[in-house]
Amino acid sequence: MIANKTIFISALDWGLGHATRCVPIIRNLEKDNKIIIGVTPLTRIIFDEEFPQTQKIDVPAYNIKYASVLPLWLKLLFDSAKISRIIKEEKKLLQKIISENKIDIVISDNRFGLDSKSVKSIFITHQLFLKTPFANKILQNLNEKYILKFDEVWIPDYEDEAKSLSGALSHGKHFHSNVKYIGPQSRLLKPDQIEKKSDCLFLISGPEPQQSIFKKLLIERAKNYPGLKFAMVQPEQGATNNKRAANPEIFISPSQKKLSELICQSQKIICRSGYSTLMDLHFLENKQIILVPTPGQTEQEYLAEYWKEKFGARVVLQKNIGALQMWE
């Protein structure tokens, strides 16, 4: 138990998933501690909504983007110099933040540069063991190198592998000596009453350009089902040119209460197989899920297949959305 400490916490801005899963962690910690949140323009959207009165400090944005053609693991290799520069920037900034705000503990959700030798540092991840088709050993060694600089590792999953939501990504022979499973984390709320209002909900997430590609494909496919009612949730980014159509009904960055209701009120969910999204669906006990892993994102490809085998989710490749049978 952590109490009477000043804690600095920050999340990777690779989509909003890392920020949203930090929300319940912050809510738990703020009961007995002072919290300061490190934000980027993207993660500020979530943290301003959830913690409007909490002190926030700007940190460097990673601005990771998918390529239209290259698989993500290869794109990250090409971007390694840029990522290393950002890690150095945040490491330098962190020492200033610690000194000026008398920080006792630093908590980083997948931001590799937020470790410190002067105070306790904790790393949050569900991906201790990487899944890549090539250069896996090189990337895994790099992953371990950064994570080993932290004093503790918190894994948002069940320790019991039989119940695990992330499978082999977080379970195996641990290379870190201080690993703690903190259970799945979701900021969503379970509605008191659930009335089905839509046949299918599209959850649009992740970096561009794949986010817009995914959205366009689903909207086009929905036109083939005029008798069904669709709803769609998408981030605020890229939503300025959106035309509000009757079907699907579009919700831009809804509150946690509204998003919880939309998920529970939908018969089926079509979404990416990002881990934070999966934790939300697990929390709300939504059983009818169609997962579309982001092309080239090997973590999502693994999670999609794992959830297919473990939890009965359907898996559809993005290139096959045009032939997707939304209703069976």
C-alpha atoms as a PDB file:
ATOM      1  CA  MET A   1       0.000   0.000   0.000  1.00  0.00           C
ATOM      2  CA  ILE A   2       1.289   3.449  -0.961  1.00  0.00           C
ATOM      3  CA  ALA A   3       0.355   6.367   1.301  1.00  0.00           C
ATOM      4  CA  ASN A   4       1.457   9.910   2.090  1.00  0.00           C
ATOM      5  CA  LYS A   5       3.584  10.207  -1.040  1.00  0.00           C
ATOM      6  CA  THR A   6       3.828  12.654  -3.917  1.00  0.00           C
ATOM      7  CA  ILE A   7       3.475  10.571  -7.076  1.00  0.00           C
ATOM      8  CA  PHE A   8       4.200  11.555 -10.656  1.00  0.00           C
ATOM      9  CA  ILE A   9       2.429   9.343 -13.203  1.00  0.00           C
ATOM     10  CA  SER A  10       2.438   9.508 -16.997  1.00  0.00           C
ATOM     11  CA  ALA A  11       1.208   7.302 -19.839  1.00  0.00           C
ATOM     12  CA  LEU A  12       2.433   6.644 -23.370  1.00  0.00           C
ATOM     13  CA  ASP A  13       0.421   8.577 -25.979  1.00  0.00           C
ATOM     14  CA  TRP A  14       0.088   5.646 -28.394  1.00  0.00           C
ATOM     15  CA  GLY A  15      -3.655   6.009 -28.781  1.00  0.00           C
ATOM     16  CA  LEU A  16      -5.626   6.585 -25.593  1.00  0.00           C
ATOM     17  CA  GLY A  17      -5.506   3.077 -24.121  1.00  0.00           C
ATOM     18  CA  HIS A  18      -2.501   3.640 -21.867  1.00  0.00           C
ATOM     19  CA  ALA A  19      -4.107   6.776 -20.447  1.00  0.00           C
ATOM     20  CA  THR A  20      -7.533   5.216 -19.877  1.00  0.00           C
ATOM     21  CA  ARG A  21      -6.134   2.237 -17.979  1.00  0.00           C
ATOM     22  CA  CYS A  22      -4.208   4.627 -15.709  1.00  0.00           C
ATOM     23  CA  VAL A  23      -7.475   6.268 -14.607  1.00  0.00           C
ATOM     24  CA  PRO A  24      -8.514   3.579 -12.057  1.00  0.00           C
ATOM     25  CA  ILE A  25      -4.917   3.379 -10.814  1.00  0.00           C
ATOM     26  CA  ILE A  26      -4.849   7.142 -10.205  1.00  0.00           C
ATOM     27  CA  ARG A  27      -8.271   7.058  -8.544  1.00  0.00           C
ATOM     28  CA  ASN A  28      -7.017   4.450  -6.112  1.00  0.00           C
ATOM     29  CA  LEU A  29      -3.749   6.231  -5.381  1.00  0.00           C
ATOM     30  CA  GLU A  30      -5.194   9.728  -4.975  1.00  0.00           C
ATOM     31  CA  LYS A  31      -7.119   8.669  -1.872  1.00  0.00           C
ATOM     32  CA  ASP A  32      -3.930   8.680   0.217  1.00  0.00           C
ATOM     33  CA  ASN A  33      -1.379  10.519  -1.926  1.00  0.00           C
ATOM     34  CA  LYS A  34      -0.759  13.686  -3.895  1.00  0.00           C
ATOM     35  CA  ILE A  35      -0.867  12.963  -7.639  1.00  0.00           C
ATOM     36  CA  ILE A  36       0.781  14.920 -10.457  1.00  0.00           C
ATOM     37  CA  ILE A  37       0.047  13.731 -14.011  1.00  0.00           C
ATOM     38  CA  GLY A  38       2.385  14.017 -16.982  1.00  0.00           C
ATOM     39  CA  VAL A  39       0.383  14.732 -20.144  1.00  0.00           C
ATOM     40  CA  THR A  40       0.772  15.140 -23.886  1.00  0.00           C
ATOM     41  CA  PRO A  41      -1.819  16.865 -26.125  1.00  0.00           C
ATOM     42  CA  LEU A  42      -3.446  13.467 -26.700  1.00  0.00           C
ATOM     43  CA  THR A  43      -3.512  12.080 -23.156  1.00  0.00           C
ATOM     44  CA  ARG A  44      -4.633  15.443 -21.756  1.00  0.00           C
ATOM     45  CA  ILE A  45      -8.047  14.746 -23.306  1.00  0.00           C
ATOM     46  CA  ILE A  46      -8.593  11.843 -20.913  1.00  0.00           C
ATOM     47  CA  PHE A  47      -6.861  13.250 -17.851  1.00  0.00           C
ATOM     48  CA  ASP A  48      -8.556  16.665 -18.027  1.00  0.00           C
ATOM     49  CA  GLU A  49     -11.930  14.928 -18.207  1.00  0.00           C
ATOM     50  CA  GLU A  50     -11.251  12.505 -15.368  1.00  0.00           C
ATOM     51  CA  PHE A  51      -9.083  14.692 -13.123  1.00  0.00           C
ATOM     52  CA  PRO A  52      -9.851  18.361 -13.889  1.00  0.00           C
ATOM     53  CA  GLN A  53      -8.392  19.666 -10.603  1.00  0.00           C
ATOM     54  CA  THR A  54      -5.236  17.532 -10.552  1.00  0.00           C
ATOM     55  CA  GLN A  55      -1.900  19.203 -11.318  1.00  0.00           C
ATOM     56  CA  LYS A  56      -0.564  18.341 -14.780  1.00  0.00           C
ATOM     57  CA  ILE A  57       2.839  18.799 -16.387  1.00  0.00           C
ATOM     58  CA  ASP A  58       3.508  18.598 -20.133  1.00  0.00           C
ATOM     59  CA  VAL A  59       5.849  15.797 -21.213  1.00  0.00           C
ATOM     60  CA  PRO A  60       7.258  14.984 -24.689  1.00  0.00           C
ATOM     61  CA  ALA A  61       4.814  13.373 -27.100  1.00  0.00           C
ATOM     62  CA  TYR A  62       5.927  10.163 -28.787  1.00  0.00           C
ATOM     63  CA  ASN A  63       3.505  10.749 -31.694  1.00  0.00           C
ATOM     64  CA  ILE A  64       3.828   7.162 -32.889  1.00  0.00           C
ATOM     65  CA  LYS A  65       2.040   6.631 -36.187  1.00  0.00           C
ATOM     66  CA  TYR A  66       1.357   3.521 -38.200  1.00  0.00           C
ATOM     67  CA  ALA A  67       2.582   3.230 -41.758  1.00  0.00           C
ATOM     68  CA  SER A  68       0.156   2.463 -44.561  1.00  0.00           C
ATOM     69  CA  VAL A  69       2.336  -0.399 -45.812  1.00  0.00           C
ATOM     70  CA  LEU A  70       5.086  -1.277 -43.309  1.00  0.00           C
ATOM     71  CA  PRO A  71       4.290  -3.565 -40.361  1.00  0.00           C
ATOM     72  CA  LEU A  72       4.479  -1.748 -37.037  1.00  0.00           C
ATOM     73  CA  TRP A  73       7.531  -3.578 -35.700  1.00  0.00           C
ATOM     74  CA  LEU A  74       9.519  -2.521 -38.802  1.00  0.00           C
ATOM     75  CA  LYS A  75       8.199   1.048 -38.593  1.00  0.00           C
ATOM     76  CA  LEU A  76       9.385   1.201 -34.973  1.00  0.00           C
ATOM     77  CA  LEU A  77      12.840   0.026 -36.013  1.00  0.00           C
ATOM     78  CA  PHE A  78      13.016   2.843 -38.562  1.00  0.00           C
ATOM     79  CA  ASP A  79      11.767   5.315 -35.914  1.00  0.00           C
ATOM     80  CA  SER A  80      14.188   4.076 -33.254  1.00  0.00           C
ATOM     81  CA  ALA A  81      16.402   7.189 -33.433  1.00  0.00           C
ATOM     82  CA  LYS A  82      13.393   9.450 -32.903  1.00  0.00           C
ATOM     83  CA  ILE A  83      12.112   7.309 -30.028  1.00  0.00           C
ATOM     84  CA  SER A  84      15.566   7.295 -28.381  1.00  0.00           C
ATOM     85  CA  ARG A  85      15.641  11.078 -28.579  1.00  0.00           C
ATOM     86  CA  ILE A  86      12.247  11.361 -26.893  1.00  0.00           C
ATOM     87  CA  ILE A  87      13.335   8.939 -24.163  1.00  0.00           C
ATOM     88  CA  LYS A  88      16.375  11.133 -23.462  1.00  0.00           C
ATOM     89  CA  GLU A  89      14.181  14.242 -23.402  1.00  0.00           C
ATOM     90  CA  GLU A  90      11.727  12.816 -20.892  1.00  0.00           C
ATOM     91  CA  LYS A  91      14.536  11.412 -18.738  1.00  0.00           C
ATOM     92  CA  LYS A  92      16.088  14.879 -18.501  1.00  0.00           C
ATOM     93  CA  LEU A  93      12.720  16.509 -17.827  1.00  0.00           C
ATOM     94  CA  LEU A  94      11.890  13.940 -15.139  1.00  0.00           C
ATOM     95  CA  GLN A  95      14.832  14.977 -12.961  1.00  0.00           C
ATOM     96  CA  LYS A  96      13.582  18.571 -13.075  1.00  0.00           C
ATOM     97  CA  ILE A  97      10.028  17.456 -12.206  1.00  0.00           C
ATOM     98  CA  ILE A  98      11.275  15.362  -9.277  1.00  0.00           C
ATOM     99  CA  SER A  99      13.352  18.217  -7.904  1.00  0.00           C
ATOM    100  CA  GLU A 100      10.774  20.996  -8.312  1.00  0.00           C
ATOM    101  CA  ASN A 101       7.794  18.980  -7.022  1.00  0.00           C
ATOM    102  CA  LYS A 102       9.518  16.829  -4.373  1.00  0.00           C
ATOM    103  CA  ILE A 103       8.366  13.617  -6.048  1.00  0.00           C
ATOM    104  CA  ASP A 104       8.594  10.407  -4.000  1.00  0.00           C
ATOM    105  CA  ILE A 105       7.458   7.872  -6.614  1.00  0.00           C
ATOM    106  CA  VAL A 106       7.358   7.867 -10.418  1.00  0.00           C
ATOM    107  CA  ILE A 107       4.885   5.623 -12.250  1.00  0.00           C
ATOM    108  CA  SER A 108       5.294   5.153 -15.990  1.00  0.00           C
ATOM    109  CA  ASP A 109       2.823   3.404 -18.262  1.00  0.00           C
ATOM    110  CA  ASN A 110       5.105   2.273 -21.088  1.00  0.00           C
ATOM    111  CA  ARG A 111       7.180   5.463 -21.158  1.00  0.00           C
ATOM    112  CA  PHE A 112      10.719   4.082 -21.136  1.00  0.00           C
ATOM    113  CA  GLY A 113      12.419   7.320 -20.065  1.00  0.00           C
ATOM    114  CA  LEU A 114      10.596   7.790 -16.767  1.00  0.00           C
ATOM    115  CA  ASP A 115      12.922   5.788 -14.544  1.00  0.00           C
ATOM    116  CA  SER A 116      14.951   7.411 -11.798  1.00  0.00           C
ATOM    117  CA  LYS A 117      17.807   6.458  -9.507  1.00  0.00           C
ATOM    118  CA  SER A 118      16.837   9.119  -6.970  1.00  0.00           C
ATOM    119  CA  VAL A 119      13.259   7.946  -6.272  1.00  0.00           C
ATOM    120  CA  LYS A 120      11.289   4.725  -6.614  1.00  0.00           C
ATOM    121  CA  SER A 121      10.139   4.137 -10.189  1.00  0.00           C
ATOM    122  CA  ILE A 122       7.388   1.763 -11.331  1.00  0.00           C
ATOM    123  CA  PHE A 123       6.702   0.576 -14.877  1.00  0.00           C
ATOM    124  CA  ILE A 124       3.203  -0.453 -16.010  1.00  0.00           C
ATOM    125  CA  THR A 125       2.944  -2.873 -18.923  1.00  0.00           C
ATOM    126  CA  HIS A 126       1.039  -5.932 -20.084  1.00  0.00           C
ATOM    127  CA  GLN A 127       3.735  -6.731 -22.625  1.00  0.00           C
ATOM    128  CA  LEU A 128       6.842  -8.076 -20.925  1.00  0.00           C
ATOM    129  CA  PHE A 129       7.364 -10.593 -23.708  1.00  0.00           C
ATOM    130  CA  LEU A 130       7.182  -9.234 -27.241  1.00  0.00           C
ATOM    131  CA  LYS A 131       5.646 -10.964 -30.255  1.00  0.00           C
ATOM    132  CA  THR A 132       7.355 -10.037 -33.524  1.00  0.00           C
ATOM    133  CA  PRO A 133       7.907 -12.146 -36.650  1.00  0.00           C
ATOM    134  CA  PHE A 134      11.497 -10.923 -37.105  1.00  0.00           C
ATOM    135  CA  ALA A 135      14.199  -9.430 -34.884  1.00  0.00           C
ATOM    136  CA  ASN A 136      12.284 -10.650 -31.852  1.00  0.00           C
ATOM    137  CA  LYS A 137      15.388 -11.323 -29.802  1.00  0.00           C
ATOM    138  CA  ILE A 138      16.841  -7.882 -30.551  1.00  0.00           C
ATOM    139  CA  LEU A 139      13.598  -6.094 -29.668  1.00  0.00           C
ATOM    140  CA  GLN A 140      13.009  -8.261 -26.596  1.00  0.00           C
ATOM    141  CA  ASN A 141      16.509  -7.511 -25.308  1.00  0.00           C
ATOM    142  CA  LEU A 142      15.842  -3.791 -25.815  1.00  0.00           C
ATOM    143  CA  ASN A 143      12.505  -4.114 -24.018  1.00  0.00           C
ATOM    144  CA  GLU A 144      14.202  -5.833 -21.074  1.00  0.00           C
ATOM    145  CA  LYS A 145      17.023  -3.276 -20.997  1.00  0.00           C
ATOM    146  CA  TYR A 146      14.607  -0.407 -20.438  1.00  0.00           C
ATOM    147  CA  ILE A 147      12.244  -2.212 -18.057  1.00  0.00           C
ATOM    148  CA  LEU A 148      15.078  -3.427 -15.818  1.00  0.00           C
ATOM    149  CA  LYS A 149      15.881   0.207 -15.001  1.00  0.00           C
ATOM    150  CA  PHE A 150      12.639   0.394 -13.002  1.00  0.00           C
ATOM    151  CA  ASP A 151      12.297  -0.809  -9.395  1.00  0.00           C
ATOM    152  CA  GLU A 152       8.930  -2.515  -9.925  1.00  0.00           C
ATOM    153  CA  VAL A 153       6.761  -3.737 -12.770  1.00  0.00           C
ATOM    154  CA  TRP A 154       2.964  -3.608 -12.479  1.00  0.00           C
ATOM    155  CA  ILE A 155       1.016  -5.842 -14.846  1.00  0.00           C
ATOM    156  CA  PRO A 156      -2.682  -5.003 -15.433  1.00  0.00           C
ATOM    157  CA  ASP A 157      -3.792  -8.625 -15.640  1.00  0.00           C
ATOM    158  CA  TYR A 158      -4.607 -11.630 -13.482  1.00  0.00           C
ATOM    159  CA  GLU A 159      -1.655 -13.466 -11.979  1.00  0.00           C
ATOM    160  CA  ASP A 160      -3.487 -16.753 -12.563  1.00  0.00           C
ATOM    161  CA  GLU A 161      -2.530 -17.645 -16.134  1.00  0.00           C
ATOM    162  CA  ALA A 162      -5.756 -19.621 -16.516  1.00  0.00           C
ATOM    163  CA  LYS A 163      -7.705 -16.335 -16.170  1.00  0.00           C
ATOM    164  CA  SER A 164      -5.204 -14.156 -18.030  1.00  0.00           C
ATOM    165  CA  LEU A 165      -6.439 -11.581 -20.544  1.00  0.00           C
ATOM    166  CA  SER A 166      -3.005 -11.062 -22.119  1.00  0.00           C
ATOM    167  CA  GLY A 167      -1.685 -14.629 -22.207  1.00  0.00           C
ATOM    168  CA  ALA A 168       1.973 -15.110 -23.115  1.00  0.00           C
ATOM    169  CA  LEU A 169       2.546 -11.349 -23.356  1.00  0.00           C
ATOM    170  CA  SER A 170       2.682 -11.079 -19.569  1.00  0.00           C
ATOM    171  CA  HIS A 171       3.128 -14.670 -18.355  1.00  0.00           C
ATOM    172  CA  GLY A 172       6.399 -16.548 -18.580  1.00  0.00           C
ATOM    173  CA  LYS A 173       9.774 -16.718 -16.892  1.00  0.00           C
ATOM    174  CA  HIS A 174      10.144 -13.184 -15.599  1.00  0.00           C
ATOM    175  CA  PHE A 175      13.399 -11.340 -16.198  1.00  0.00           C
ATOM    176  CA  HIS A 176      12.524  -8.684 -13.577  1.00  0.00           C
ATOM    177  CA  SER A 177      12.776  -9.624  -9.895  1.00  0.00           C
ATOM    178  CA  ASN A 178       9.888  -7.428  -8.712  1.00  0.00           C
ATOM    179  CA  VAL A 179       6.756  -8.094 -10.778  1.00  0.00           C
ATOM    180  CA  LYS A 180       3.255  -7.481  -9.419  1.00  0.00           C
ATOM    181  CA  TYR A 181      -0.022  -8.375 -11.105  1.00  0.00           C
ATOM    182  CA  ILE A 182      -2.504  -5.627 -10.225  1.00  0.00           C
ATOM    183  CA  GLY A 183      -5.507  -7.105 -12.068  1.00  0.00           C
ATOM    184  CA  PRO A 184      -7.244  -5.799 -15.219  1.00  0.00           C
ATOM    185  CA  GLN A 185      -7.848  -2.034 -15.158  1.00  0.00           C
ATOM    186  CA  SER A 186     -10.851  -0.252 -16.659  1.00  0.00           C
ATOM    187  CA  ARG A 187     -12.182   3.256 -16.115  1.00  0.00           C
ATOM    188  CA  LEU A 188     -15.686   2.251 -17.240  1.00  0.00           C
ATOM    189  CA  LEU A 189     -18.785   1.829 -15.082  1.00  0.00           C
ATOM    190  CA  LYS A 190     -21.373  -0.927 -14.993  1.00  0.00           C
ATOM    191  CA  PRO A 191     -24.779   0.615 -15.773  1.00  0.00           C
ATOM    192  CA  ASP A 192     -27.647  -0.161 -13.393  1.00  0.00           C
ATOM    193  CA  GLN A 193     -29.974  -1.056 -16.247  1.00  0.00           C
ATOM    194  CA  ILE A 194     -29.102  -2.431 -19.661  1.00  0.00           C
ATOM    195  CA  GLU A 195     -31.505  -2.009 -22.563  1.00  0.00           C
ATOM    196  CA  LYS A 196     -30.258  -3.009 -26.008  1.00  0.00           C
ATOM    197  CA  LYS A 197     -30.479   0.064 -28.247  1.00  0.00           C
ATOM    198  CA  SER A 198     -28.163  -0.797 -31.139  1.00  0.00           C
ATOM    199  CA  ASP A 199     -27.395  -3.946 -33.055  1.00  0.00           C
ATOM    200  CA  CYS A 200     -23.694  -3.215 -33.405  1.00  0.00           C
ATOM    201  CA  LEU A 201     -21.209  -0.722 -31.977  1.00  0.00           C
ATOM    202  CA  PHE A 202     -17.987   0.238 -33.764  1.00  0.00           C
ATOM    203  CA  LEU A 203     -15.176   1.227 -31.393  1.00  0.00           C
ATOM    204  CA  ILE A 204     -12.651   3.218 -33.445  1.00  0.00           C
ATOM    205  CA  SER A 205      -9.212   3.597 -31.876  1.00  0.00           C
ATOM    206  CA  GLY A 206      -5.471   3.663 -32.454  1.00  0.00           C
ATOM    207  CA  PRO A 207      -3.032   5.895 -34.343  1.00  0.00           C
ATOM    208  CA  GLU A 208      -3.490   7.149 -37.886  1.00  0.00           C
ATOM    209  CA  PRO A 209      -3.685   6.353 -40.729  1.00  0.00           C
ATOM    210  CA  GLN A 210      -5.134   2.993 -39.723  1.00  0.00           C
ATOM    211  CA  GLN A 211      -7.798   4.572 -37.521  1.00  0.00           C
ATOM    212  CA  SER A 212      -9.427   6.359 -40.468  1.00  0.00           C
ATOM    213  CA  ILE A 213      -9.024   3.331 -42.747  1.00  0.00           C
ATOM    214  CA  PHE A 214     -10.782   1.133 -40.188  1.00  0.00           C
ATOM    215  CA  LYS A 215     -13.619   3.634 -39.743  1.00  0.00           C
ATOM    216  CA  LYS A 216     -14.207   4.055 -43.466  1.00  0.00           C
ATOM    217  CA  LEU A 217     -14.308   0.296 -44.088  1.00  0.00           C
ATOM    218  CA  LEU A 218     -16.853  -0.288 -41.318  1.00  0.00           C
ATOM    219  CA  ILE A 219     -19.142   2.542 -42.414  1.00  0.00           C
ATOM    220  CA  GLU A 220     -19.114   1.250 -45.993  1.00  0.00           C
ATOM    221  CA  ARG A 221     -19.877  -2.276 -44.834  1.00  0.00           C
ATOM    222  CA  ALA A 222     -22.734  -1.077 -42.603  1.00  0.00           C
ATOM    223  CA  LYS A 223     -24.515   0.286 -45.696  1.00  0.00           C
ATOM    224  CA  ASN A 224     -25.203  -3.331 -46.685  1.00  0.00           C
ATOM    225  CA  TYR A 225     -27.332  -3.798 -43.547  1.00  0.00           C
ATOM    226  CA  PRO A 226     -30.043  -1.089 -43.748  1.00  0.00           C
ATOM    227  CA  GLY A 227     -32.227  -3.000 -41.308  1.00  0.00           C
ATOM    228  CA  LEU A 228     -29.684  -2.848 -38.493  1.00  0.00           C
ATOM    229  CA  LYS A 229     -28.974   0.035 -36.149  1.00  0.00           C
ATOM    230  CA  PHE A 230     -25.307   0.963 -35.745  1.00  0.00           C
ATOM    231  CA  ALA A 231     -23.462   3.247 -33.358  1.00  0.00           C
ATOM    232  CA  MET A 232     -19.846   4.372 -33.559  1.00  0.00           C
ATOM    233  CA  VAL A 233     -17.413   5.736 -30.975  1.00  0.00           C
ATOM    234  CA  GLN A 234     -14.329   7.565 -32.173  1.00  0.00           C
ATOM    235  CA  PRO A 235     -11.673   9.822 -30.647  1.00  0.00           C
ATOM    236  CA  GLU A 236     -11.838  13.565 -31.070  1.00  0.00           C
ATOM    237  CA  GLN A 237      -8.785  13.522 -33.350  1.00  0.00           C
ATOM    238  CA  GLY A 238      -9.737  13.317 -37.007  1.00  0.00           C
ATOM    239  CA  ALA A 239     -13.399  13.903 -36.248  1.00  0.00           C
ATOM    240  CA  THR A 240     -13.669  17.466 -37.554  1.00  0.00           C
ATOM    241  CA  ASN A 241     -14.758  16.420 -41.046  1.00  0.00           C
ATOM    242  CA  ASN A 242     -17.279  13.915 -39.765  1.00  0.00           C
ATOM    243  CA  LYS A 243     -20.826  14.169 -41.026  1.00  0.00           C
ATOM    244  CA  ARG A 244     -23.335  13.073 -38.454  1.00  0.00           C
ATOM    245  CA  ALA A 245     -25.292  10.334 -40.137  1.00  0.00           C
ATOM    246  CA  ALA A 246     -28.364   8.690 -38.690  1.00  0.00           C
ATOM    247  CA  ASN A 247     -26.803   5.253 -39.099  1.00  0.00           C
ATOM    248  CA  PRO A 248     -24.283   4.821 -37.626  1.00  0.00           C
ATOM    249  CA  GLU A 249     -24.955   7.331 -34.880  1.00  0.00           C
ATOM    250  CA  ILE A 250     -21.573   8.850 -34.059  1.00  0.00           C
ATOM    251  CA  PHE A 251     -20.279   9.601 -30.572  1.00  0.00           C
ATOM    252  CA  ILE A 252     -17.031  11.541 -30.324  1.00  0.00           C
ATOM    253  CA  SER A 253     -14.950  10.933 -27.189  1.00  0.00           C
ATOM    254  CA  PRO A 254     -17.949  10.133 -24.962  1.00  0.00           C
ATOM    255  CA  SER A 255     -17.651  10.300 -21.173  1.00  0.00           C
ATOM    256  CA  GLN A 256     -16.869   7.124 -19.271  1.00  0.00           C
ATOM    257  CA  LYS A 257     -20.542   6.860 -18.258  1.00  0.00           C
ATOM    258  CA  LYS A 258     -21.798   7.264 -21.819  1.00  0.00           C
ATOM    259  CA  LEU A 259     -19.191   4.882 -23.272  1.00  0.00           C
ATOM    260  CA  SER A 260     -20.112   2.268 -20.673  1.00  0.00           C
ATOM    261  CA  GLU A 261     -23.779   2.601 -21.627  1.00  0.00           C
ATOM    262  CA  LEU A 262     -23.071   2.391 -25.363  1.00  0.00           C
ATOM    263  CA  ILE A 263     -21.081  -0.830 -24.952  1.00  0.00           C
ATOM    264  CA  CYS A 264     -23.664  -2.451 -22.711  1.00  0.00           C
ATOM    265  CA  GLN A 265     -26.569  -1.342 -24.907  1.00  0.00           C
ATOM    266  CA  SER A 266     -25.075  -2.891 -28.057  1.00  0.00           C
ATOM    267  CA  GLN A 267     -25.710  -6.450 -29.133  1.00  0.00           C
ATOM    268  CA  LYS A 268     -22.319  -6.774 -30.811  1.00  0.00           C
ATOM    269  CA  ILE A 269     -19.013  -4.909 -30.685  1.00  0.00           C
ATOM    270  CA  ILE A 270     -16.550  -4.533 -33.566  1.00  0.00           C
ATOM    271  CA  CYS A 271     -13.203  -3.143 -32.468  1.00  0.00           C
ATOM    272  CA  ARG A 272      -9.435  -3.359 -32.530  1.00  0.00           C
ATOM    273  CA  SER A 273      -7.809  -5.940 -30.288  1.00  0.00           C
ATOM    274  CA  GLY A 274      -5.934  -3.339 -28.251  1.00  0.00           C
ATOM    275  CA  TYR A 275      -5.392  -4.499 -24.698  1.00  0.00           C
ATOM    276  CA  SER A 276      -7.122  -1.579 -22.960  1.00  0.00           C
ATOM    277  CA  THR A 277     -10.221  -2.104 -25.109  1.00  0.00           C
ATOM    278  CA  LEU A 278     -10.204  -5.797 -24.233  1.00  0.00           C
ATOM    279  CA  MET A 279      -9.979  -4.997 -20.524  1.00  0.00           C
ATOM    280  CA  ASP A 280     -12.989  -2.686 -20.867  1.00  0.00           C
ATOM    281  CA  LEU A 281     -15.043  -5.364 -22.655  1.00  0.00           C
ATOM    282  CA  HIS A 282     -14.012  -7.948 -20.045  1.00  0.00           C
ATOM    283  CA  PHE A 283     -15.087  -5.606 -17.246  1.00  0.00           C
ATOM    284  CA  LEU A 284     -18.485  -4.981 -18.856  1.00  0.00           C
ATOM    285  CA  GLU A 285     -18.876  -8.685 -19.680  1.00  0.00           C
ATOM    286  CA  ASN A 286     -19.683  -8.116 -23.331  1.00  0.00           C
ATOM    287  CA  LYS A 287     -19.555 -11.541 -24.976  1.00  0.00           C
ATOM    288  CA  GLN A 288     -20.308 -10.854 -28.644  1.00  0.00           C
ATOM    289  CA  ILE A 289     -17.085  -9.353 -29.959  1.00  0.00           C
ATOM    290  CA  ILE A 290     -15.594  -9.127 -33.446  1.00  0.00           C
ATOM    291  CA  LEU A 291     -11.890  -8.249 -33.286  1.00  0.00           C
ATOM    292  CA  VAL A 292     -10.058  -6.617 -36.188  1.00  0.00           C
ATOM    293  CA  PRO A 293      -6.340  -6.413 -35.326  1.00  0.00           C
ATOM    294  CA  THR A 294      -4.453  -3.467 -36.756  1.00  0.00           C
ATOM    295  CA  PRO A 295      -2.478  -4.739 -39.781  1.00  0.00           C
ATOM    296  CA  GLY A 296       1.162  -5.323 -38.875  1.00  0.00           C
ATOM    297  CA  GLN A 297       0.520  -4.812 -35.158  1.00  0.00           C
ATOM    298  CA  THR A 298       1.746  -8.197 -33.950  1.00  0.00           C
ATOM    299  CA  GLU A 299       0.638  -7.635 -30.360  1.00  0.00           C
ATOM    300  CA  GLN A 300      -2.953  -7.091 -31.512  1.00  0.00           C
ATOM    301  CA  GLU A 301      -2.732 -10.051 -33.874  1.00  0.00           C
ATOM    302  CA  TYR A 302      -1.634 -12.255 -30.980  1.00  0.00           C
ATOM    303  CA  LEU A 303      -4.329 -10.913 -28.642  1.00  0.00           C
ATOM    304  CA  ALA A 304      -7.043 -11.414 -31.278  1.00  0.00           C
ATOM    305  CA  GLU A 305      -6.131 -15.079 -31.736  1.00  0.00           C
ATOM    306  CA  TYR A 306      -5.725 -15.555 -27.992  1.00  0.00           C
ATOM    307  CA  TRP A 307      -9.193 -14.099 -27.315  1.00  0.00           C
ATOM    308  CA  LYS A 308     -10.647 -16.223 -30.102  1.00  0.00           C
ATOM    309  CA  GLU A 309      -9.355 -19.385 -28.441  1.00  0.00           C
ATOM    310  CA  LYS A 310      -9.862 -18.313 -24.821  1.00  0.00           C
ATOM    311  CA  PHE A 311     -13.036 -16.231 -24.876  1.00  0.00           C
ATOM    312  CA  GLY A 312     -14.800 -17.111 -28.137  1.00  0.00           C
ATOM    313  CA  ALA A 313     -14.286 -13.785 -29.933  1.00  0.00           C
ATOM    314  CA  ARG A 314     -14.575 -13.670 -33.719  1.00  0.00           C
ATOM    315  CA  VAL A 315     -11.506 -12.460 -35.603  1.00  0.00           C
ATOM    316  CA  VAL A 316     -11.658 -10.721 -38.981  1.00  0.00           C
ATOM    317  CA  LEU A 317      -8.662  -9.332 -40.840  1.00  0.00           C
ATOM    318  CA  GLN A 318      -9.024  -5.720 -41.937  1.00  0.00           C
ATOM    319  CA  LYS A 319      -8.598  -6.689 -45.611  1.00  0.00           C
ATOM    320  CA  ASN A 320     -11.675  -8.930 -45.246  1.00  0.00           C
ATOM    321  CA  ILE A 321     -14.038  -6.353 -43.748  1.00  0.00           C
ATOM    322  CA  GLY A 322     -15.688  -5.908 -47.152  1.00  0.00           C
ATOM    323  CA  ALA A 323     -16.959  -9.485 -46.910  1.00  0.00           C
ATOM    324  CA  LEU A 324     -17.674  -9.417 -43.166  1.00  0.00           C
ATOM    325  CA  GLN A 325     -20.994 -10.955 -42.181  1.00  0.00           C
ATOM    326  CA  MET A 326     -21.961  -8.593 -39.387  1.00  0.00           C
ATOM    327  CA  TRP A 327     -24.992 -10.620 -38.504  1.00  0.00           C
ATOM    328  CA  GLU A 328     -24.998 -14.389 -38.271  1.00  0.00           C
END
